[in-house]
Amino acid sequence: MTEILIINGPNLNLLGTREPGIYGSDTMDSCLDSLRKRYPEVRFEYFQSNHEGALIDCLHDTNSRSFTGIILNAGAYTHTSLAIADAIAAIRTPVVEVHISNIAARESIRHTSLITPVCKGIIAGFGLESYRLAVESLL
């Protein structure tokens, strides 16, 4: 069976209520339900943390698992965390970087991603559909 791990970083636990003009009003639970219905042949595992070290530990733990791929929305750590970039580079599983908003159309600090160079690809700006597009890219 195909297994995909979805990892969300800081503040993404607030999807549905956090800045709906930017992130929409749907929750991550509804996104996961939609993915599970659309891809019944895929086993999805989900992890979210507001803590950088927990995200790094989760990435490291994938070396002992056989995921087809990882979908990572590192949130603001995308732009600040060399440690997360190093963790991605250290694992075997391909990582697709995802963003709900179009980071290139936002504040200039969000235009630079430290993790893009170590990811398989990046999908941004399609709302929660970005996760579905990332699944398609891994399948």
N, C-alpha and C. Protein backbone atom coordinates (compact mmCIF):
# COMPACT_ATOMS: atom_id res chain seq x y z
N MET A 1 0.84 -1.18 0.00
CA MET A 1 0.00 0.00 0.00
C MET A 1 0.89 1.25 0.00
N THR A 2 0.46 2.24 -0.72
CA THR A 2 1.14 3.52 -0.76
C THR A 2 0.88 4.26 0.55
N GLU A 3 1.97 4.78 1.14
CA GLU A 3 1.84 5.54 2.38
C GLU A 3 2.45 6.92 2.20
N ILE A 4 1.68 7.94 2.57
CA ILE A 4 2.16 9.32 2.46
C ILE A 4 2.00 9.98 3.82
N LEU A 5 3.07 10.63 4.24
CA LEU A 5 3.07 11.38 5.50
C LEU A 5 2.89 12.86 5.19
N ILE A 6 1.92 13.47 5.85
CA ILE A 6 1.72 14.91 5.72
C ILE A 6 2.16 15.54 7.03
N ILE A 7 3.08 16.50 6.92
CA ILE A 7 3.61 17.20 8.09
C ILE A 7 3.29 18.69 7.95
N ASN A 8 2.66 19.23 8.96
CA ASN A 8 2.37 20.66 9.01
C ASN A 8 3.10 21.30 10.17
N GLY A 9 3.63 22.48 9.92
CA GLY A 9 4.37 23.22 10.93
C GLY A 9 3.53 24.21 11.70
N PRO A 10 4.19 25.24 12.23
CA PRO A 10 3.56 26.14 13.19
C PRO A 10 2.34 26.88 12.64
N ASN A 11 1.37 27.00 13.52
CA ASN A 11 0.12 27.73 13.30
C ASN A 11 -0.84 27.06 12.35
N LEU A 12 -0.44 25.97 11.73
CA LEU A 12 -1.34 25.29 10.80
C LEU A 12 -2.39 24.46 11.53
N ASN A 13 -2.25 24.32 12.83
CA ASN A 13 -3.31 23.72 13.64
C ASN A 13 -4.53 24.65 13.71
N LEU A 14 -4.37 25.91 13.30
CA LEU A 14 -5.45 26.89 13.35
C LEU A 14 -6.18 27.04 12.02
N LEU A 15 -5.88 26.16 11.05
CA LEU A 15 -6.57 26.26 9.76
C LEU A 15 -8.08 26.21 9.97
N GLY A 16 -8.77 27.04 9.24
CA GLY A 16 -10.21 27.16 9.38
C GLY A 16 -10.61 28.41 10.13
N THR A 17 -9.72 28.86 11.03
CA THR A 17 -10.00 30.08 11.79
C THR A 17 -8.91 31.13 11.62
N ARG A 18 -7.73 30.73 11.27
CA ARG A 18 -6.59 31.65 11.14
C ARG A 18 -6.63 32.37 9.79
N GLU A 19 -6.72 33.66 9.82
CA GLU A 19 -6.66 34.49 8.62
C GLU A 19 -7.35 33.84 7.41
N PRO A 20 -8.67 33.67 7.49
CA PRO A 20 -9.38 32.97 6.41
C PRO A 20 -9.23 33.64 5.04
N GLY A 21 -8.94 34.93 5.00
CA GLY A 21 -8.71 35.60 3.72
C GLY A 21 -7.47 35.09 3.01
N ILE A 22 -6.53 34.56 3.77
CA ILE A 22 -5.29 34.01 3.20
C ILE A 22 -5.36 32.49 3.13
N TYR A 23 -5.83 31.86 4.21
CA TYR A 23 -5.75 30.40 4.33
C TYR A 23 -7.07 29.67 4.11
N GLY A 24 -8.16 30.42 3.90
CA GLY A 24 -9.46 29.79 3.69
C GLY A 24 -10.13 29.43 5.00
N SER A 25 -11.32 28.86 4.88
CA SER A 25 -12.09 28.53 6.08
C SER A 25 -12.20 27.03 6.33
N ASP A 26 -11.60 26.23 5.45
CA ASP A 26 -11.62 24.78 5.65
C ASP A 26 -10.55 24.37 6.65
N THR A 27 -10.80 23.29 7.35
CA THR A 27 -9.86 22.78 8.34
C THR A 27 -8.97 21.70 7.72
N MET A 28 -7.89 21.40 8.40
CA MET A 28 -7.03 20.31 7.94
C MET A 28 -7.75 18.98 8.05
N ASP A 29 -8.61 18.83 9.05
CA ASP A 29 -9.39 17.59 9.15
C ASP A 29 -10.24 17.37 7.90
N SER A 30 -10.88 18.45 7.41
CA SER A 30 -11.70 18.29 6.20
C SER A 30 -10.82 17.98 4.99
N CYS A 31 -9.63 18.56 4.94
CA CYS A 31 -8.68 18.26 3.86
C CYS A 31 -8.27 16.79 3.89
N LEU A 32 -7.94 16.30 5.08
CA LEU A 32 -7.53 14.90 5.21
C LEU A 32 -8.68 13.96 4.85
N ASP A 33 -9.90 14.28 5.28
CA ASP A 33 -11.07 13.46 4.92
C ASP A 33 -11.23 13.39 3.41
N SER A 34 -11.09 14.53 2.76
CA SER A 34 -11.21 14.60 1.30
C SER A 34 -10.14 13.75 0.61
N LEU A 35 -8.90 13.86 1.10
CA LEU A 35 -7.81 13.07 0.51
C LEU A 35 -8.06 11.58 0.69
N ARG A 36 -8.51 11.18 1.88
CA ARG A 36 -8.75 9.75 2.14
C ARG A 36 -9.87 9.20 1.27
N LYS A 37 -10.89 10.01 1.00
CA LYS A 37 -11.98 9.57 0.13
C LYS A 37 -11.53 9.50 -1.33
N ARG A 38 -10.74 10.48 -1.75
CA ARG A 38 -10.30 10.55 -3.14
C ARG A 38 -9.26 9.48 -3.47
N TYR A 39 -8.44 9.14 -2.49
CA TYR A 39 -7.35 8.17 -2.68
C TYR A 39 -7.47 7.03 -1.68
N PRO A 40 -8.46 6.16 -1.85
CA PRO A 40 -8.65 5.07 -0.87
C PRO A 40 -7.48 4.08 -0.84
N GLU A 41 -6.68 4.07 -1.90
CA GLU A 41 -5.54 3.16 -1.98
C GLU A 41 -4.31 3.69 -1.25
N VAL A 42 -4.42 4.91 -0.73
CA VAL A 42 -3.30 5.54 -0.04
C VAL A 42 -3.59 5.60 1.45
N ARG A 43 -2.60 5.23 2.23
CA ARG A 43 -2.70 5.39 3.69
C ARG A 43 -2.01 6.70 4.04
N PHE A 44 -2.78 7.62 4.61
CA PHE A 44 -2.24 8.92 4.99
C PHE A 44 -1.96 8.94 6.48
N GLU A 45 -0.80 9.43 6.84
CA GLU A 45 -0.47 9.69 8.24
C GLU A 45 -0.26 11.19 8.35
N TYR A 46 -0.69 11.75 9.48
CA TYR A 46 -0.63 13.21 9.64
C TYR A 46 0.08 13.57 10.94
N PHE A 47 0.92 14.60 10.85
CA PHE A 47 1.62 15.12 12.03
C PHE A 47 1.66 16.64 11.93
N GLN A 48 1.38 17.31 13.04
CA GLN A 48 1.47 18.76 13.11
C GLN A 48 2.14 19.13 14.41
N SER A 49 3.03 20.13 14.33
CA SER A 49 3.64 20.65 15.54
C SER A 49 4.00 22.11 15.33
N ASN A 50 3.95 22.85 16.42
CA ASN A 50 4.40 24.24 16.43
C ASN A 50 5.86 24.34 16.84
N HIS A 51 6.52 23.20 17.03
CA HIS A 51 7.88 23.16 17.55
C HIS A 51 8.85 22.60 16.50
N GLU A 52 9.88 23.37 16.22
CA GLU A 52 10.85 22.99 15.19
C GLU A 52 11.48 21.62 15.45
N GLY A 53 11.89 21.38 16.67
CA GLY A 53 12.53 20.10 16.99
C GLY A 53 11.61 18.91 16.77
N ALA A 54 10.33 19.06 17.07
CA ALA A 54 9.38 17.97 16.86
C ALA A 54 9.23 17.67 15.36
N LEU A 55 9.25 18.70 14.53
CA LEU A 55 9.18 18.51 13.08
C LEU A 55 10.43 17.77 12.59
N ILE A 56 11.58 18.16 13.11
CA ILE A 56 12.84 17.50 12.74
C ILE A 56 12.83 16.04 13.18
N ASP A 57 12.39 15.78 14.40
CA ASP A 57 12.30 14.39 14.89
C ASP A 57 11.38 13.56 14.01
N CYS A 58 10.25 14.14 13.60
CA CYS A 58 9.31 13.43 12.74
C CYS A 58 9.96 13.09 11.40
N LEU A 59 10.67 14.04 10.83
CA LEU A 59 11.38 13.78 9.57
C LEU A 59 12.42 12.67 9.75
N HIS A 60 13.21 12.74 10.81
CA HIS A 60 14.22 11.71 11.08
C HIS A 60 13.58 10.33 11.22
N ASP A 61 12.43 10.26 11.88
CA ASP A 61 11.77 8.98 12.12
C ASP A 61 11.34 8.29 10.83
N THR A 62 11.22 9.04 9.74
CA THR A 62 10.80 8.42 8.49
C THR A 62 11.85 7.47 7.94
N ASN A 63 13.09 7.59 8.37
CA ASN A 63 14.12 6.66 7.90
C ASN A 63 13.86 5.23 8.33
N SER A 64 13.06 5.04 9.37
CA SER A 64 12.74 3.69 9.82
C SER A 64 11.39 3.22 9.27
N ARG A 65 10.80 3.99 8.39
CA ARG A 65 9.49 3.66 7.79
C ARG A 65 9.64 3.59 6.28
N SER A 66 8.59 3.18 5.62
CA SER A 66 8.66 3.07 4.15
C SER A 66 7.57 3.93 3.49
N PHE A 67 7.62 5.22 3.73
CA PHE A 67 6.69 6.14 3.10
C PHE A 67 7.04 6.31 1.62
N THR A 68 6.03 6.44 0.80
CA THR A 68 6.23 6.76 -0.61
C THR A 68 6.73 8.19 -0.73
N GLY A 69 6.24 9.04 0.13
CA GLY A 69 6.66 10.43 0.11
C GLY A 69 6.13 11.19 1.30
N ILE A 70 6.63 12.40 1.45
CA ILE A 70 6.24 13.31 2.53
C ILE A 70 5.76 14.60 1.90
N ILE A 71 4.65 15.09 2.39
CA ILE A 71 4.15 16.42 2.01
C ILE A 71 4.40 17.30 3.22
N LEU A 72 5.20 18.35 3.03
CA LEU A 72 5.61 19.19 4.15
C LEU A 72 5.19 20.64 3.92
N ASN A 73 4.38 21.15 4.82
CA ASN A 73 4.12 22.58 4.91
C ASN A 73 4.79 23.03 6.19
N ALA A 74 5.98 23.55 6.07
CA ALA A 74 6.76 23.94 7.25
C ALA A 74 6.35 25.30 7.81
N GLY A 75 5.31 25.90 7.22
CA GLY A 75 4.87 27.20 7.71
C GLY A 75 6.01 28.20 7.67
N ALA A 76 6.06 29.06 8.67
CA ALA A 76 7.09 30.10 8.71
C ALA A 76 8.51 29.54 8.82
N TYR A 77 8.65 28.28 9.28
CA TYR A 77 9.98 27.68 9.34
C TYR A 77 10.58 27.51 7.94
N THR A 78 9.74 27.52 6.92
CA THR A 78 10.21 27.45 5.54
C THR A 78 11.28 28.50 5.29
N HIS A 79 11.08 29.66 5.86
CA HIS A 79 11.91 30.82 5.56
C HIS A 79 13.04 31.03 6.57
N THR A 80 13.07 30.22 7.62
CA THR A 80 14.03 30.48 8.70
C THR A 80 14.83 29.27 9.16
N SER A 81 14.42 28.06 8.79
CA SER A 81 15.01 26.89 9.43
C SER A 81 15.96 26.11 8.54
N LEU A 82 17.23 26.40 8.70
CA LEU A 82 18.26 25.60 8.06
C LEU A 82 18.26 24.19 8.65
N ALA A 83 17.88 24.07 9.92
CA ALA A 83 17.84 22.76 10.58
C ALA A 83 16.81 21.84 9.93
N ILE A 84 15.66 22.36 9.55
CA ILE A 84 14.67 21.53 8.85
C ILE A 84 15.19 21.17 7.46
N ALA A 85 15.82 22.10 6.78
CA ALA A 85 16.42 21.79 5.48
C ALA A 85 17.46 20.67 5.61
N ASP A 86 18.28 20.74 6.63
CA ASP A 86 19.28 19.69 6.87
C ASP A 86 18.62 18.34 7.15
N ALA A 87 17.52 18.37 7.89
CA ALA A 87 16.80 17.12 8.19
C ALA A 87 16.23 16.50 6.91
N ILE A 88 15.68 17.32 6.04
CA ILE A 88 15.15 16.82 4.77
C ILE A 88 16.28 16.20 3.94
N ALA A 89 17.42 16.88 3.89
CA ALA A 89 18.56 16.38 3.12
C ALA A 89 19.08 15.06 3.69
N ALA A 90 18.85 14.81 4.96
CA ALA A 90 19.40 13.62 5.63
C ALA A 90 18.52 12.39 5.51
N ILE A 91 17.31 12.53 4.97
CA ILE A 91 16.41 11.37 4.89
C ILE A 91 16.31 10.86 3.46
N ARG A 92 15.81 9.64 3.34
CA ARG A 92 15.69 8.99 2.03
C ARG A 92 14.38 9.31 1.32
N THR A 93 13.34 9.58 2.06
CA THR A 93 12.00 9.76 1.49
C THR A 93 11.88 11.10 0.78
N PRO A 94 11.34 11.12 -0.44
CA PRO A 94 11.17 12.40 -1.14
C PRO A 94 10.15 13.29 -0.43
N VAL A 95 10.45 14.59 -0.43
CA VAL A 95 9.61 15.57 0.25
C VAL A 95 9.10 16.58 -0.78
N VAL A 96 7.79 16.81 -0.77
CA VAL A 96 7.19 17.86 -1.59
C VAL A 96 6.82 19.00 -0.65
N GLU A 97 7.34 20.17 -0.93
CA GLU A 97 7.05 21.37 -0.15
C GLU A 97 5.70 21.94 -0.60
N VAL A 98 4.85 22.25 0.37
CA VAL A 98 3.51 22.75 0.07
C VAL A 98 3.27 24.04 0.84
N HIS A 99 2.57 24.95 0.17
CA HIS A 99 2.08 26.17 0.83
C HIS A 99 0.67 26.44 0.36
N ILE A 100 -0.18 26.82 1.28
CA ILE A 100 -1.57 27.11 0.97
C ILE A 100 -1.67 28.41 0.18
N SER A 101 -0.93 29.41 0.60
CA SER A 101 -0.93 30.70 -0.10
C SER A 101 0.23 30.74 -1.09
N ASN A 102 0.18 31.72 -1.98
CA ASN A 102 1.26 31.94 -2.93
C ASN A 102 2.33 32.77 -2.22
N ILE A 103 3.35 32.10 -1.72
CA ILE A 103 4.36 32.80 -0.91
C ILE A 103 5.11 33.85 -1.72
N ALA A 104 5.17 33.71 -3.04
CA ALA A 104 5.87 34.70 -3.86
C ALA A 104 5.08 36.00 -3.99
N ALA A 105 3.79 35.95 -3.66
CA ALA A 105 2.94 37.13 -3.75
C ALA A 105 2.71 37.78 -2.39
N ARG A 106 3.43 37.31 -1.39
CA ARG A 106 3.26 37.83 -0.03
C ARG A 106 4.46 38.69 0.37
N GLU A 107 4.63 38.91 1.65
CA GLU A 107 5.72 39.74 2.15
C GLU A 107 7.06 39.20 1.65
N SER A 108 8.01 40.10 1.45
CA SER A 108 9.29 39.70 0.86
C SER A 108 10.01 38.64 1.68
N ILE A 109 9.85 38.63 3.00
CA ILE A 109 10.51 37.61 3.84
C ILE A 109 10.05 36.20 3.45
N ARG A 110 8.84 36.09 2.90
CA ARG A 110 8.29 34.78 2.52
C ARG A 110 8.73 34.35 1.12
N HIS A 111 9.46 35.17 0.41
CA HIS A 111 9.86 34.83 -0.95
C HIS A 111 11.01 33.82 -0.98
N THR A 112 11.75 33.71 0.10
CA THR A 112 12.89 32.79 0.15
C THR A 112 12.54 31.57 0.99
N SER A 113 12.73 30.41 0.39
CA SER A 113 12.53 29.15 1.10
C SER A 113 13.88 28.48 1.29
N LEU A 114 14.21 28.17 2.53
CA LEU A 114 15.45 27.44 2.80
C LEU A 114 15.30 25.95 2.51
N ILE A 115 14.06 25.46 2.40
CA ILE A 115 13.86 24.03 2.20
C ILE A 115 13.69 23.62 0.74
N THR A 116 13.32 24.56 -0.14
CA THR A 116 13.10 24.23 -1.55
C THR A 116 14.27 23.47 -2.18
N PRO A 117 15.51 23.87 -1.95
CA PRO A 117 16.62 23.17 -2.62
C PRO A 117 16.76 21.69 -2.27
N VAL A 118 16.21 21.25 -1.15
CA VAL A 118 16.33 19.85 -0.75
C VAL A 118 15.02 19.08 -0.92
N CYS A 119 14.02 19.72 -1.51
CA CYS A 119 12.74 19.07 -1.76
C CYS A 119 12.63 18.62 -3.21
N LYS A 120 11.78 17.63 -3.43
CA LYS A 120 11.52 17.14 -4.79
C LYS A 120 10.88 18.22 -5.64
N GLY A 121 10.02 19.03 -5.02
CA GLY A 121 9.33 20.10 -5.73
C GLY A 121 8.55 20.95 -4.75
N ILE A 122 7.88 21.98 -5.29
CA ILE A 122 7.11 22.90 -4.46
C ILE A 122 5.78 23.18 -5.14
N ILE A 123 4.73 23.18 -4.34
CA ILE A 123 3.39 23.53 -4.80
C ILE A 123 2.86 24.60 -3.86
N ALA A 124 2.45 25.73 -4.42
CA ALA A 124 2.02 26.85 -3.58
C ALA A 124 0.90 27.62 -4.25
N GLY A 125 0.00 28.13 -3.41
CA GLY A 125 -0.99 29.08 -3.88
C GLY A 125 -2.34 28.52 -4.27
N PHE A 126 -2.57 27.25 -4.07
CA PHE A 126 -3.83 26.64 -4.48
C PHE A 126 -4.72 26.29 -3.29
N GLY A 127 -4.52 26.96 -2.18
CA GLY A 127 -5.31 26.65 -0.99
C GLY A 127 -5.02 25.23 -0.53
N LEU A 128 -6.00 24.61 0.07
CA LEU A 128 -5.80 23.23 0.54
C LEU A 128 -5.69 22.25 -0.63
N GLU A 129 -6.07 22.68 -1.83
CA GLU A 129 -5.86 21.85 -3.02
C GLU A 129 -4.37 21.58 -3.25
N SER A 130 -3.52 22.43 -2.68
CA SER A 130 -2.08 22.21 -2.80
C SER A 130 -1.69 20.83 -2.28
N TYR A 131 -2.37 20.37 -1.23
CA TYR A 131 -2.07 19.03 -0.68
C TYR A 131 -2.46 17.94 -1.68
N ARG A 132 -3.61 18.07 -2.35
CA ARG A 132 -4.02 17.10 -3.35
C ARG A 132 -3.03 17.07 -4.51
N LEU A 133 -2.61 18.25 -4.95
CA LEU A 133 -1.64 18.30 -6.04
C LEU A 133 -0.31 17.65 -5.63
N ALA A 134 0.06 17.79 -4.38
CA ALA A 134 1.27 17.14 -3.89
C ALA A 134 1.12 15.63 -3.88
N VAL A 135 -0.07 15.15 -3.49
CA VAL A 135 -0.33 13.70 -3.54
C VAL A 135 -0.17 13.21 -4.97
N GLU A 136 -0.77 13.91 -5.92
CA GLU A 136 -0.66 13.53 -7.33
C GLU A 136 0.80 13.45 -7.77
N SER A 137 1.61 14.41 -7.31
CA SER A 137 3.01 14.41 -7.71
C SER A 137 3.77 13.21 -7.14
N LEU A 138 3.34 12.71 -5.99
CA LEU A 138 4.01 11.56 -5.38
C LEU A 138 3.52 10.23 -5.95
N LEU A 139 2.31 10.22 -6.46
CA LEU A 139 1.78 8.99 -7.04
C LEU A 139 2.29 8.79 -8.45
